[in-house]
Amino acid sequence: MNLILLFEADFIIDSRVRLTGRRLQHVRDTLEMDVALDRDPPSPLPLTLILALPRPKVLNRVIAGATSLGIKRIILINAWRVEKSYWSSPRLTPENLRMQSILGLEQARDTVLPSIETRRLFRPFVEDELPSIAFGTRALIAHPNAMKECPRNLREPITLVIGPEGGFIDAEIASLERIGFTPVSIGERILRVETAVPYLAARLY
């Protein structure tokens, strides 16, 4: 643990906290600390991540990793190649997503939890919600078969869509293109989602 995160319920008075549970195990049985809140958290990435729901066994790593990078809005969506069983995984519960986010914050010495949302219907989300989410940002789709190369070192807000293993089907790419998203490629290599997310974030910023 690189950072002990504090929540409102931890405060006994304005400048004193009491820890219990997992965080406490890193120090001892009971701990009270005087605290001084004297600095801001690291700046977030101006990146909204729209991610086809990955396999449950990698979801924890993806959420913790994205959070540690400073991504503050993550929307997990359905797609043709997303297995229906993924949506019933206990790793998708709000409690688990929050815990993985906390682990990511601790790693990065950050203190601002991301917003994590889920959308099980692809078409209504893309047609009814995504245009307003992406408004005022550069809208990109990471797609292995794209002809255009992914840009580098941008200084602007981005809405980035990453598909499932095997990529989006043609109809899904077409739906995203109709609302202004541009498919971009990161080269010949096909990356796992837990590798693609940090690679793309580092490349774009």
N, C-alpha and C. Protein backbone atom coordinates (compact mmCIF):
# COMPACT_ATOMS: atom_id res chain seq x y z
N MET A 1 0.85 -1.19 0.00
CA MET A 1 0.00 0.00 0.00
C MET A 1 0.89 1.24 0.00
N ASN A 2 0.70 2.13 -0.97
CA ASN A 2 1.47 3.36 -1.06
C ASN A 2 0.76 4.54 -0.42
N LEU A 3 -0.49 4.37 -0.08
CA LEU A 3 -1.28 5.47 0.46
C LEU A 3 -2.43 4.88 1.26
N ILE A 4 -2.73 5.46 2.40
CA ILE A 4 -3.92 5.08 3.16
C ILE A 4 -5.02 6.08 2.80
N LEU A 5 -6.06 5.60 2.17
CA LEU A 5 -7.17 6.47 1.81
C LEU A 5 -8.08 6.68 3.00
N LEU A 6 -8.55 7.90 3.17
CA LEU A 6 -9.45 8.24 4.26
C LEU A 6 -10.81 8.60 3.69
N PHE A 7 -11.86 8.17 4.41
CA PHE A 7 -13.23 8.48 4.01
C PHE A 7 -13.92 9.23 5.14
N GLU A 8 -15.04 9.84 4.85
CA GLU A 8 -15.72 10.67 5.84
C GLU A 8 -15.99 9.91 7.13
N ALA A 9 -16.35 8.63 7.01
CA ALA A 9 -16.69 7.84 8.19
C ALA A 9 -15.48 7.59 9.09
N ASP A 10 -14.27 7.80 8.57
CA ASP A 10 -13.07 7.57 9.37
C ASP A 10 -12.80 8.69 10.38
N PHE A 11 -13.36 9.86 10.16
CA PHE A 11 -13.02 11.03 10.96
C PHE A 11 -13.77 11.03 12.29
N ILE A 12 -12.98 11.14 13.36
CA ILE A 12 -13.54 11.29 14.71
C ILE A 12 -13.83 12.77 14.96
N ILE A 13 -12.84 13.59 14.66
CA ILE A 13 -12.99 15.05 14.65
C ILE A 13 -12.37 15.54 13.35
N ASP A 14 -12.31 16.84 13.15
CA ASP A 14 -11.85 17.38 11.87
C ASP A 14 -10.45 16.94 11.50
N SER A 15 -9.59 16.74 12.47
CA SER A 15 -8.20 16.43 12.16
C SER A 15 -7.74 15.07 12.69
N ARG A 16 -8.69 14.21 13.11
CA ARG A 16 -8.31 12.91 13.65
C ARG A 16 -9.18 11.83 13.05
N VAL A 17 -8.52 10.70 12.69
CA VAL A 17 -9.25 9.58 12.09
C VAL A 17 -8.95 8.30 12.85
N ARG A 18 -9.87 7.33 12.74
CA ARG A 18 -9.68 6.00 13.29
C ARG A 18 -9.87 4.99 12.15
N LEU A 19 -8.90 4.09 11.98
CA LEU A 19 -8.96 3.09 10.92
C LEU A 19 -9.35 1.73 11.47
N THR A 20 -10.07 0.97 10.65
CA THR A 20 -10.42 -0.42 10.97
C THR A 20 -10.28 -1.25 9.71
N GLY A 21 -10.43 -2.57 9.82
CA GLY A 21 -10.50 -3.44 8.64
C GLY A 21 -9.18 -3.59 7.90
N ARG A 22 -9.28 -3.70 6.57
CA ARG A 22 -8.12 -4.01 5.75
C ARG A 22 -7.00 -2.98 5.89
N ARG A 23 -7.34 -1.70 5.91
CA ARG A 23 -6.30 -0.68 6.02
C ARG A 23 -5.59 -0.78 7.36
N LEU A 24 -6.35 -1.12 8.38
CA LEU A 24 -5.76 -1.23 9.72
C LEU A 24 -4.76 -2.37 9.80
N GLN A 25 -5.00 -3.44 9.05
CA GLN A 25 -4.11 -4.60 9.11
C GLN A 25 -2.71 -4.26 8.64
N HIS A 26 -2.57 -3.17 7.88
CA HIS A 26 -1.24 -2.77 7.42
C HIS A 26 -0.45 -2.07 8.52
N VAL A 27 -1.11 -1.72 9.59
CA VAL A 27 -0.40 -1.03 10.66
C VAL A 27 -0.46 -1.76 12.00
N ARG A 28 -1.70 -2.08 12.46
CA ARG A 28 -1.84 -2.81 13.70
C ARG A 28 -3.31 -3.07 13.96
N ASP A 29 -3.69 -3.27 15.24
CA ASP A 29 -5.08 -3.59 15.57
C ASP A 29 -5.97 -2.35 15.60
N THR A 30 -5.51 -1.26 16.14
CA THR A 30 -6.28 -0.02 16.19
C THR A 30 -5.33 1.13 15.95
N LEU A 31 -5.77 2.10 15.17
CA LEU A 31 -4.91 3.23 14.86
C LEU A 31 -5.73 4.50 14.83
N GLU A 32 -5.25 5.51 15.53
CA GLU A 32 -5.78 6.85 15.41
C GLU A 32 -4.65 7.75 14.94
N MET A 33 -4.95 8.64 13.99
CA MET A 33 -3.94 9.52 13.43
C MET A 33 -4.44 10.95 13.40
N ASP A 34 -3.55 11.88 13.67
CA ASP A 34 -3.81 13.28 13.36
C ASP A 34 -3.42 13.49 11.90
N VAL A 35 -4.28 14.15 11.14
CA VAL A 35 -4.04 14.32 9.71
C VAL A 35 -4.01 15.79 9.35
N ALA A 36 -3.24 16.10 8.32
CA ALA A 36 -3.20 17.45 7.75
C ALA A 36 -3.42 17.32 6.26
N LEU A 37 -4.53 17.84 5.77
CA LEU A 37 -4.87 17.75 4.35
C LEU A 37 -4.27 18.96 3.66
N ASP A 38 -3.05 18.79 3.14
CA ASP A 38 -2.27 19.95 2.69
C ASP A 38 -1.89 19.93 1.22
N ARG A 39 -2.44 18.99 0.43
CA ARG A 39 -2.12 18.99 -0.98
C ARG A 39 -3.27 18.40 -1.78
N ASP A 40 -3.32 18.78 -3.05
CA ASP A 40 -4.35 18.26 -3.94
C ASP A 40 -3.92 16.92 -4.51
N PRO A 41 -4.87 16.10 -4.95
CA PRO A 41 -4.51 14.83 -5.61
C PRO A 41 -3.90 15.10 -6.97
N PRO A 42 -3.25 14.09 -7.58
CA PRO A 42 -2.70 14.29 -8.94
C PRO A 42 -3.80 14.66 -9.93
N SER A 43 -3.39 15.38 -10.95
CA SER A 43 -4.35 15.78 -11.99
C SER A 43 -4.89 14.55 -12.71
N PRO A 44 -6.18 14.51 -12.99
CA PRO A 44 -6.75 13.37 -13.72
C PRO A 44 -6.42 13.45 -15.20
N LEU A 45 -6.51 12.32 -15.89
CA LEU A 45 -6.43 12.32 -17.34
C LEU A 45 -7.77 12.81 -17.90
N PRO A 46 -7.76 13.66 -18.91
CA PRO A 46 -9.02 14.10 -19.53
C PRO A 46 -9.54 13.06 -20.51
N LEU A 47 -9.69 11.85 -20.01
CA LEU A 47 -10.05 10.70 -20.84
C LEU A 47 -11.25 9.98 -20.26
N THR A 48 -12.29 9.85 -21.06
CA THR A 48 -13.43 9.01 -20.71
C THR A 48 -13.25 7.67 -21.42
N LEU A 49 -13.28 6.59 -20.65
CA LEU A 49 -13.03 5.26 -21.19
C LEU A 49 -14.34 4.50 -21.32
N ILE A 50 -14.67 4.14 -22.56
CA ILE A 50 -15.84 3.30 -22.85
C ILE A 50 -15.28 1.92 -23.20
N LEU A 51 -15.56 0.94 -22.35
CA LEU A 51 -14.87 -0.34 -22.45
C LEU A 51 -15.87 -1.49 -22.55
N ALA A 52 -15.76 -2.28 -23.62
CA ALA A 52 -16.56 -3.50 -23.68
C ALA A 52 -16.18 -4.38 -22.50
N LEU A 53 -17.17 -4.90 -21.80
CA LEU A 53 -16.93 -5.64 -20.57
C LEU A 53 -15.93 -6.78 -20.80
N PRO A 54 -14.78 -6.75 -20.13
CA PRO A 54 -13.79 -7.81 -20.32
C PRO A 54 -14.13 -9.05 -19.51
N ARG A 55 -13.35 -10.09 -19.72
CA ARG A 55 -13.53 -11.31 -18.94
C ARG A 55 -13.42 -11.02 -17.45
N PRO A 56 -14.25 -11.66 -16.64
CA PRO A 56 -14.23 -11.36 -15.20
C PRO A 56 -12.85 -11.48 -14.56
N LYS A 57 -12.06 -12.46 -15.00
CA LYS A 57 -10.78 -12.66 -14.33
C LYS A 57 -9.79 -11.54 -14.60
N VAL A 58 -10.04 -10.70 -15.62
CA VAL A 58 -9.15 -9.56 -15.85
C VAL A 58 -9.80 -8.23 -15.47
N LEU A 59 -11.09 -8.26 -15.14
CA LEU A 59 -11.79 -7.01 -14.85
C LEU A 59 -11.13 -6.27 -13.68
N ASN A 60 -10.77 -6.99 -12.62
CA ASN A 60 -10.15 -6.33 -11.47
C ASN A 60 -8.88 -5.59 -11.87
N ARG A 61 -8.04 -6.23 -12.65
CA ARG A 61 -6.78 -5.60 -13.07
C ARG A 61 -7.04 -4.38 -13.94
N VAL A 62 -8.02 -4.46 -14.82
CA VAL A 62 -8.32 -3.34 -15.71
C VAL A 62 -8.82 -2.13 -14.92
N ILE A 63 -9.72 -2.37 -13.97
CA ILE A 63 -10.26 -1.25 -13.20
C ILE A 63 -9.19 -0.63 -12.32
N ALA A 64 -8.42 -1.46 -11.61
CA ALA A 64 -7.36 -0.92 -10.76
C ALA A 64 -6.32 -0.18 -11.59
N GLY A 65 -5.96 -0.74 -12.75
CA GLY A 65 -4.97 -0.10 -13.59
C GLY A 65 -5.45 1.22 -14.17
N ALA A 66 -6.69 1.24 -14.68
CA ALA A 66 -7.23 2.48 -15.24
C ALA A 66 -7.33 3.56 -14.17
N THR A 67 -7.74 3.17 -12.97
CA THR A 67 -7.84 4.13 -11.88
C THR A 67 -6.47 4.69 -11.52
N SER A 68 -5.46 3.84 -11.48
CA SER A 68 -4.12 4.32 -11.13
C SER A 68 -3.56 5.27 -12.19
N LEU A 69 -4.06 5.19 -13.42
CA LEU A 69 -3.63 6.10 -14.48
C LEU A 69 -4.30 7.47 -14.39
N GLY A 70 -5.33 7.59 -13.56
CA GLY A 70 -6.02 8.86 -13.43
C GLY A 70 -7.27 8.98 -14.29
N ILE A 71 -7.77 7.86 -14.81
CA ILE A 71 -9.02 7.88 -15.58
C ILE A 71 -10.18 7.97 -14.59
N LYS A 72 -11.03 8.98 -14.76
CA LYS A 72 -12.06 9.25 -13.76
C LYS A 72 -13.48 8.89 -14.19
N ARG A 73 -13.65 8.49 -15.43
CA ARG A 73 -14.97 7.99 -15.85
C ARG A 73 -14.78 6.76 -16.72
N ILE A 74 -15.37 5.67 -16.30
CA ILE A 74 -15.28 4.39 -17.01
C ILE A 74 -16.71 3.87 -17.20
N ILE A 75 -17.05 3.54 -18.43
CA ILE A 75 -18.37 2.97 -18.72
C ILE A 75 -18.16 1.60 -19.35
N LEU A 76 -18.65 0.58 -18.70
CA LEU A 76 -18.54 -0.79 -19.19
C LEU A 76 -19.78 -1.11 -20.01
N ILE A 77 -19.57 -1.53 -21.26
CA ILE A 77 -20.70 -1.71 -22.17
C ILE A 77 -20.74 -3.15 -22.70
N ASN A 78 -21.87 -3.46 -23.29
CA ASN A 78 -22.04 -4.76 -23.94
C ASN A 78 -21.60 -4.66 -25.40
N ALA A 79 -21.36 -5.79 -26.01
CA ALA A 79 -21.04 -5.87 -27.44
C ALA A 79 -21.34 -7.30 -27.88
N TRP A 80 -21.37 -7.50 -29.19
CA TRP A 80 -21.72 -8.81 -29.74
C TRP A 80 -20.80 -9.91 -29.21
N ARG A 81 -19.52 -9.61 -29.05
CA ARG A 81 -18.55 -10.62 -28.64
C ARG A 81 -18.32 -10.65 -27.12
N VAL A 82 -19.12 -9.95 -26.36
CA VAL A 82 -19.06 -10.05 -24.90
C VAL A 82 -19.96 -11.21 -24.46
N GLU A 83 -19.40 -12.15 -23.75
CA GLU A 83 -20.18 -13.29 -23.28
C GLU A 83 -21.25 -12.83 -22.28
N LYS A 84 -22.47 -13.35 -22.44
CA LYS A 84 -23.55 -12.97 -21.53
C LYS A 84 -23.23 -13.29 -20.08
N SER A 85 -22.49 -14.36 -19.85
CA SER A 85 -22.18 -14.77 -18.48
C SER A 85 -21.33 -13.74 -17.75
N TYR A 86 -20.60 -12.91 -18.48
CA TYR A 86 -19.76 -11.91 -17.82
C TYR A 86 -20.59 -10.97 -16.95
N TRP A 87 -21.82 -10.70 -17.39
CA TRP A 87 -22.66 -9.71 -16.69
C TRP A 87 -23.16 -10.22 -15.34
N SER A 88 -23.05 -11.51 -15.09
CA SER A 88 -23.50 -12.05 -13.80
C SER A 88 -22.32 -12.30 -12.85
N SER A 89 -21.14 -11.89 -13.23
CA SER A 89 -19.97 -12.12 -12.39
C SER A 89 -20.03 -11.28 -11.12
N PRO A 90 -19.68 -11.85 -9.96
CA PRO A 90 -19.62 -11.06 -8.73
C PRO A 90 -18.56 -9.96 -8.78
N ARG A 91 -17.63 -10.05 -9.72
CA ARG A 91 -16.62 -8.99 -9.84
C ARG A 91 -17.19 -7.71 -10.42
N LEU A 92 -18.43 -7.78 -10.91
CA LEU A 92 -19.06 -6.59 -11.47
C LEU A 92 -19.92 -5.85 -10.44
N THR A 93 -19.97 -6.34 -9.21
CA THR A 93 -20.78 -5.67 -8.19
C THR A 93 -20.19 -4.30 -7.86
N PRO A 94 -21.02 -3.35 -7.47
CA PRO A 94 -20.48 -2.03 -7.07
C PRO A 94 -19.44 -2.12 -5.98
N GLU A 95 -19.62 -3.06 -5.05
CA GLU A 95 -18.66 -3.19 -3.95
C GLU A 95 -17.28 -3.60 -4.46
N ASN A 96 -17.25 -4.56 -5.40
CA ASN A 96 -15.96 -4.99 -5.91
C ASN A 96 -15.32 -3.91 -6.78
N LEU A 97 -16.11 -3.25 -7.63
CA LEU A 97 -15.56 -2.19 -8.47
C LEU A 97 -14.99 -1.06 -7.62
N ARG A 98 -15.67 -0.76 -6.52
CA ARG A 98 -15.16 0.27 -5.62
C ARG A 98 -13.84 -0.18 -4.98
N MET A 99 -13.77 -1.43 -4.56
CA MET A 99 -12.54 -1.92 -3.94
C MET A 99 -11.37 -1.89 -4.92
N GLN A 100 -11.61 -2.30 -6.18
CA GLN A 100 -10.53 -2.26 -7.16
C GLN A 100 -10.10 -0.83 -7.45
N SER A 101 -11.06 0.09 -7.44
CA SER A 101 -10.73 1.50 -7.63
C SER A 101 -9.87 2.01 -6.47
N ILE A 102 -10.22 1.62 -5.26
CA ILE A 102 -9.43 2.04 -4.09
C ILE A 102 -8.01 1.51 -4.19
N LEU A 103 -7.86 0.25 -4.60
CA LEU A 103 -6.53 -0.31 -4.76
C LEU A 103 -5.72 0.47 -5.80
N GLY A 104 -6.38 0.87 -6.88
CA GLY A 104 -5.70 1.68 -7.89
C GLY A 104 -5.30 3.05 -7.37
N LEU A 105 -6.17 3.67 -6.58
CA LEU A 105 -5.84 4.96 -5.99
C LEU A 105 -4.66 4.85 -5.04
N GLU A 106 -4.67 3.81 -4.21
CA GLU A 106 -3.57 3.62 -3.27
C GLU A 106 -2.24 3.46 -4.01
N GLN A 107 -2.27 2.71 -5.11
CA GLN A 107 -1.05 2.51 -5.89
C GLN A 107 -0.50 3.83 -6.42
N ALA A 108 -1.41 4.69 -6.89
CA ALA A 108 -0.99 5.92 -7.57
C ALA A 108 -0.92 7.13 -6.64
N ARG A 109 -1.22 6.93 -5.35
CA ARG A 109 -1.26 8.03 -4.38
C ARG A 109 -2.25 9.10 -4.84
N ASP A 110 -3.41 8.63 -5.23
CA ASP A 110 -4.52 9.48 -5.65
C ASP A 110 -5.62 9.34 -4.61
N THR A 111 -6.59 10.24 -4.62
CA THR A 111 -7.64 10.19 -3.61
C THR A 111 -9.05 10.38 -4.17
N VAL A 112 -9.19 10.51 -5.48
CA VAL A 112 -10.49 10.79 -6.08
C VAL A 112 -10.98 9.54 -6.82
N LEU A 113 -12.04 8.94 -6.31
CA LEU A 113 -12.59 7.73 -6.93
C LEU A 113 -13.15 8.03 -8.32
N PRO A 114 -13.00 7.09 -9.26
CA PRO A 114 -13.63 7.26 -10.57
C PRO A 114 -15.11 6.93 -10.51
N SER A 115 -15.82 7.41 -11.51
CA SER A 115 -17.19 6.99 -11.75
C SER A 115 -17.15 5.77 -12.66
N ILE A 116 -17.79 4.68 -12.23
CA ILE A 116 -17.84 3.46 -13.04
C ILE A 116 -19.31 3.12 -13.28
N GLU A 117 -19.70 3.06 -14.55
CA GLU A 117 -21.08 2.80 -14.93
C GLU A 117 -21.14 1.57 -15.82
N THR A 118 -22.30 0.96 -15.91
CA THR A 118 -22.49 -0.20 -16.78
C THR A 118 -23.69 0.05 -17.70
N ARG A 119 -23.57 -0.43 -18.93
CA ARG A 119 -24.65 -0.33 -19.90
C ARG A 119 -24.74 -1.67 -20.64
N ARG A 120 -25.84 -2.37 -20.46
CA ARG A 120 -25.97 -3.71 -21.04
C ARG A 120 -26.54 -3.71 -22.45
N LEU A 121 -27.07 -2.59 -22.92
CA LEU A 121 -27.66 -2.53 -24.26
C LEU A 121 -26.79 -1.62 -25.13
N PHE A 122 -26.13 -2.20 -26.12
CA PHE A 122 -25.17 -1.46 -26.94
C PHE A 122 -25.85 -0.36 -27.75
N ARG A 123 -26.84 -0.71 -28.52
CA ARG A 123 -27.41 0.26 -29.46
C ARG A 123 -28.05 1.45 -28.76
N PRO A 124 -28.92 1.27 -27.76
CA PRO A 124 -29.48 2.46 -27.08
C PRO A 124 -28.41 3.34 -26.45
N PHE A 125 -27.36 2.72 -25.90
CA PHE A 125 -26.30 3.53 -25.31
C PHE A 125 -25.61 4.37 -26.37
N VAL A 126 -25.23 3.74 -27.49
CA VAL A 126 -24.50 4.45 -28.53
C VAL A 126 -25.37 5.55 -29.16
N GLU A 127 -26.62 5.25 -29.41
CA GLU A 127 -27.47 6.21 -30.10
C GLU A 127 -28.01 7.31 -29.19
N ASP A 128 -28.33 6.97 -27.93
CA ASP A 128 -29.02 7.92 -27.06
C ASP A 128 -28.13 8.63 -26.05
N GLU A 129 -27.05 7.99 -25.63
CA GLU A 129 -26.22 8.57 -24.56
C GLU A 129 -24.83 8.99 -25.01
N LEU A 130 -24.21 8.19 -25.84
CA LEU A 130 -22.81 8.43 -26.15
C LEU A 130 -22.55 9.76 -26.87
N PRO A 131 -23.44 10.22 -27.75
CA PRO A 131 -23.16 11.52 -28.39
C PRO A 131 -22.97 12.66 -27.39
N SER A 132 -23.78 12.69 -26.35
CA SER A 132 -23.62 13.77 -25.37
C SER A 132 -22.40 13.55 -24.49
N ILE A 133 -22.07 12.29 -24.20
CA ILE A 133 -20.87 11.99 -23.42
C ILE A 133 -19.62 12.45 -24.16
N ALA A 134 -19.59 12.21 -25.47
CA ALA A 134 -18.41 12.52 -26.27
C ALA A 134 -18.39 13.96 -26.77
N PHE A 135 -19.44 14.72 -26.55
CA PHE A 135 -19.52 16.09 -27.07
C PHE A 135 -18.34 16.92 -26.57
N GLY A 136 -17.67 17.61 -27.49
CA GLY A 136 -16.55 18.45 -27.12
C GLY A 136 -15.24 17.73 -26.92
N THR A 137 -15.21 16.43 -27.22
CA THR A 137 -13.98 15.64 -27.08
C THR A 137 -13.59 15.06 -28.43
N ARG A 138 -12.34 14.59 -28.52
CA ARG A 138 -11.96 13.80 -29.69
C ARG A 138 -12.44 12.38 -29.45
N ALA A 139 -13.23 11.86 -30.37
CA ALA A 139 -13.88 10.56 -30.20
C ALA A 139 -13.16 9.50 -31.02
N LEU A 140 -12.58 8.51 -30.33
CA LEU A 140 -11.77 7.49 -30.99
C LEU A 140 -12.22 6.09 -30.62
N ILE A 141 -12.05 5.16 -31.57
CA ILE A 141 -12.27 3.73 -31.34
C ILE A 141 -10.95 3.02 -31.58
N ALA A 142 -10.45 2.30 -30.59
CA ALA A 142 -9.28 1.46 -30.81
C ALA A 142 -9.75 0.20 -31.53
N HIS A 143 -9.30 0.03 -32.77
CA HIS A 143 -9.82 -1.07 -33.61
C HIS A 143 -8.67 -1.66 -34.42
N PRO A 144 -8.45 -2.98 -34.31
CA PRO A 144 -7.29 -3.59 -34.99
C PRO A 144 -7.27 -3.39 -36.50
N ASN A 145 -8.44 -3.31 -37.13
CA ASN A 145 -8.48 -3.23 -38.59
C ASN A 145 -8.57 -1.80 -39.12
N ALA A 146 -8.42 -0.81 -38.26
CA ALA A 146 -8.53 0.57 -38.70
C ALA A 146 -7.38 0.94 -39.63
N MET A 147 -7.66 1.81 -40.58
CA MET A 147 -6.64 2.26 -41.52
C MET A 147 -5.83 3.43 -40.96
N LYS A 148 -6.43 4.19 -40.06
CA LYS A 148 -5.78 5.39 -39.53
C LYS A 148 -4.98 5.05 -38.28
N GLU A 149 -3.78 5.60 -38.17
CA GLU A 149 -2.93 5.36 -37.02
C GLU A 149 -3.42 6.16 -35.82
N CYS A 150 -3.34 5.58 -34.64
CA CYS A 150 -3.73 6.27 -33.42
C CYS A 150 -2.83 7.48 -33.20
N PRO A 151 -3.39 8.65 -32.90
CA PRO A 151 -2.56 9.84 -32.68
C PRO A 151 -1.75 9.73 -31.39
N ARG A 152 -0.80 10.65 -31.24
CA ARG A 152 0.07 10.68 -30.07
C ARG A 152 0.07 12.06 -29.43
N ASN A 153 0.33 12.07 -28.13
CA ASN A 153 0.62 13.30 -27.38
C ASN A 153 -0.43 14.39 -27.61
N LEU A 154 -1.67 14.04 -27.40
CA LEU A 154 -2.75 15.00 -27.56
C LEU A 154 -2.88 15.87 -26.30
N ARG A 155 -3.40 17.04 -26.48
CA ARG A 155 -3.63 17.95 -25.35
C ARG A 155 -5.09 18.38 -25.34
N GLU A 156 -5.97 17.40 -25.37
CA GLU A 156 -7.39 17.69 -25.44
C GLU A 156 -8.17 16.53 -24.82
N PRO A 157 -9.41 16.78 -24.41
CA PRO A 157 -10.23 15.68 -23.87
C PRO A 157 -10.52 14.63 -24.94
N ILE A 158 -10.53 13.39 -24.51
CA ILE A 158 -10.74 12.27 -25.43
C ILE A 158 -11.81 11.34 -24.85
N THR A 159 -12.67 10.85 -25.73
CA THR A 159 -13.54 9.72 -25.39
C THR A 159 -13.04 8.53 -26.19
N LEU A 160 -12.58 7.51 -25.49
CA LEU A 160 -11.95 6.36 -26.12
C LEU A 160 -12.80 5.11 -25.92
N VAL A 161 -13.11 4.44 -27.01
CA VAL A 161 -13.88 3.20 -26.96
C VAL A 161 -12.94 2.04 -27.29
N ILE A 162 -12.94 1.04 -26.42
CA ILE A 162 -12.13 -0.17 -26.62
C ILE A 162 -13.06 -1.37 -26.63
N GLY A 163 -12.93 -2.20 -27.63
CA GLY A 163 -13.85 -3.32 -27.81
C GLY A 163 -13.46 -4.55 -27.03
N PRO A 164 -14.22 -5.63 -27.23
CA PRO A 164 -13.96 -6.90 -26.55
C PRO A 164 -12.85 -7.67 -27.24
N GLU A 165 -12.48 -8.82 -26.68
CA GLU A 165 -11.53 -9.69 -27.37
C GLU A 165 -12.11 -10.06 -28.74
N GLY A 166 -11.31 -9.89 -29.77
CA GLY A 166 -11.79 -10.10 -31.12
C GLY A 166 -12.30 -8.84 -31.77
N GLY A 167 -12.44 -7.76 -31.00
CA GLY A 167 -12.87 -6.49 -31.55
C GLY A 167 -14.36 -6.37 -31.74
N PHE A 168 -14.80 -5.18 -32.07
CA PHE A 168 -16.20 -4.95 -32.41
C PHE A 168 -16.52 -5.55 -33.77
N ILE A 169 -17.76 -5.96 -33.97
CA ILE A 169 -18.19 -6.40 -35.29
C ILE A 169 -18.41 -5.16 -36.17
N ASP A 170 -18.51 -5.38 -37.47
CA ASP A 170 -18.61 -4.26 -38.41
C ASP A 170 -19.80 -3.35 -38.11
N ALA A 171 -20.94 -3.95 -37.75
CA ALA A 171 -22.13 -3.15 -37.49
C ALA A 171 -21.92 -2.23 -36.28
N GLU A 172 -21.19 -2.70 -35.29
CA GLU A 172 -20.93 -1.87 -34.11
C GLU A 172 -19.98 -0.73 -34.46
N ILE A 173 -18.96 -1.01 -35.26
CA ILE A 173 -18.06 0.06 -35.71
C ILE A 173 -18.85 1.10 -36.51
N ALA A 174 -19.73 0.64 -37.38
CA ALA A 174 -20.53 1.57 -38.18
C ALA A 174 -21.41 2.46 -37.30
N SER A 175 -21.99 1.88 -36.24
CA SER A 175 -22.82 2.66 -35.33
C SER A 175 -22.01 3.75 -34.65
N LEU A 176 -20.80 3.42 -34.25
CA LEU A 176 -19.93 4.41 -33.60
C LEU A 176 -19.46 5.47 -34.59
N GLU A 177 -19.17 5.07 -35.81
CA GLU A 177 -18.75 6.05 -36.82
C GLU A 177 -19.88 7.03 -37.13
N ARG A 178 -21.11 6.57 -37.12
CA ARG A 178 -22.24 7.45 -37.44
C ARG A 178 -22.38 8.59 -36.44
N ILE A 179 -21.92 8.40 -35.22
CA ILE A 179 -22.02 9.48 -34.24
C ILE A 179 -20.69 10.22 -34.07
N GLY A 180 -19.76 10.00 -35.00
CA GLY A 180 -18.56 10.82 -35.03
C GLY A 180 -17.29 10.20 -34.50
N PHE A 181 -17.30 8.91 -34.19
CA PHE A 181 -16.09 8.26 -33.69
C PHE A 181 -15.20 7.81 -34.86
N THR A 182 -13.90 7.93 -34.66
CA THR A 182 -12.92 7.55 -35.68
C THR A 182 -12.17 6.29 -35.25
N PRO A 183 -12.22 5.22 -36.04
CA PRO A 183 -11.43 4.03 -35.72
C PRO A 183 -9.94 4.31 -35.92
N VAL A 184 -9.12 3.89 -34.95
CA VAL A 184 -7.68 4.07 -35.06
C VAL A 184 -6.98 2.78 -34.65
N SER A 185 -5.81 2.56 -35.23
CA SER A 185 -5.04 1.35 -34.98
C SER A 185 -3.78 1.68 -34.20
N ILE A 186 -3.34 0.72 -33.38
CA ILE A 186 -2.07 0.88 -32.67
C ILE A 186 -1.01 -0.07 -33.22
N GLY A 187 -1.25 -0.60 -34.44
CA GLY A 187 -0.27 -1.44 -35.08
C GLY A 187 -0.74 -2.87 -35.27
N GLU A 188 0.18 -3.72 -35.69
CA GLU A 188 -0.17 -5.09 -36.05
C GLU A 188 -0.46 -5.98 -34.85
N ARG A 189 0.10 -5.65 -33.70
CA ARG A 189 -0.06 -6.52 -32.54
C ARG A 189 -1.46 -6.41 -31.96
N ILE A 190 -2.04 -7.53 -31.60
CA ILE A 190 -3.33 -7.57 -30.92
C ILE A 190 -3.05 -7.68 -29.43
N LEU A 191 -3.47 -6.70 -28.67
CA LEU A 191 -3.17 -6.63 -27.25
C LEU A 191 -4.36 -7.05 -26.40
N ARG A 192 -4.08 -7.66 -25.27
CA ARG A 192 -5.13 -7.91 -24.28
C ARG A 192 -5.60 -6.57 -23.72
N VAL A 193 -6.83 -6.54 -23.24
CA VAL A 193 -7.40 -5.28 -22.79
C VAL A 193 -6.59 -4.69 -21.64
N GLU A 194 -6.07 -5.54 -20.74
CA GLU A 194 -5.31 -5.00 -19.61
C GLU A 194 -3.99 -4.38 -20.06
N THR A 195 -3.53 -4.73 -21.27
CA THR A 195 -2.35 -4.09 -21.86
C THR A 195 -2.74 -2.90 -22.71
N ALA A 196 -3.84 -3.02 -23.44
CA ALA A 196 -4.27 -1.97 -24.36
C ALA A 196 -4.63 -0.67 -23.63
N VAL A 197 -5.28 -0.77 -22.48
CA VAL A 197 -5.71 0.44 -21.78
C VAL A 197 -4.51 1.31 -21.39
N PRO A 198 -3.50 0.79 -20.66
CA PRO A 198 -2.38 1.66 -20.33
C PRO A 198 -1.57 2.08 -21.55
N TYR A 199 -1.46 1.19 -22.55
CA TYR A 199 -0.71 1.55 -23.76
C TYR A 199 -1.35 2.74 -24.44
N LEU A 200 -2.65 2.69 -24.62
CA LEU A 200 -3.36 3.77 -25.31
C LEU A 200 -3.32 5.06 -24.49
N ALA A 201 -3.51 4.96 -23.19
CA ALA A 201 -3.47 6.16 -22.36
C ALA A 201 -2.11 6.84 -22.44
N ALA A 202 -1.04 6.04 -22.41
CA ALA A 202 0.31 6.61 -22.50
C ALA A 202 0.56 7.20 -23.87
N ARG A 203 0.06 6.56 -24.90
CA ARG A 203 0.28 7.05 -26.26
C ARG A 203 -0.49 8.35 -26.52
N LEU A 204 -1.72 8.41 -26.05
CA LEU A 204 -2.55 9.57 -26.31
C LEU A 204 -2.11 10.80 -25.52
N TYR A 205 -1.52 10.57 -24.34
CA TYR A 205 -1.15 11.70 -23.49
C TYR A 205 0.34 11.72 -23.17
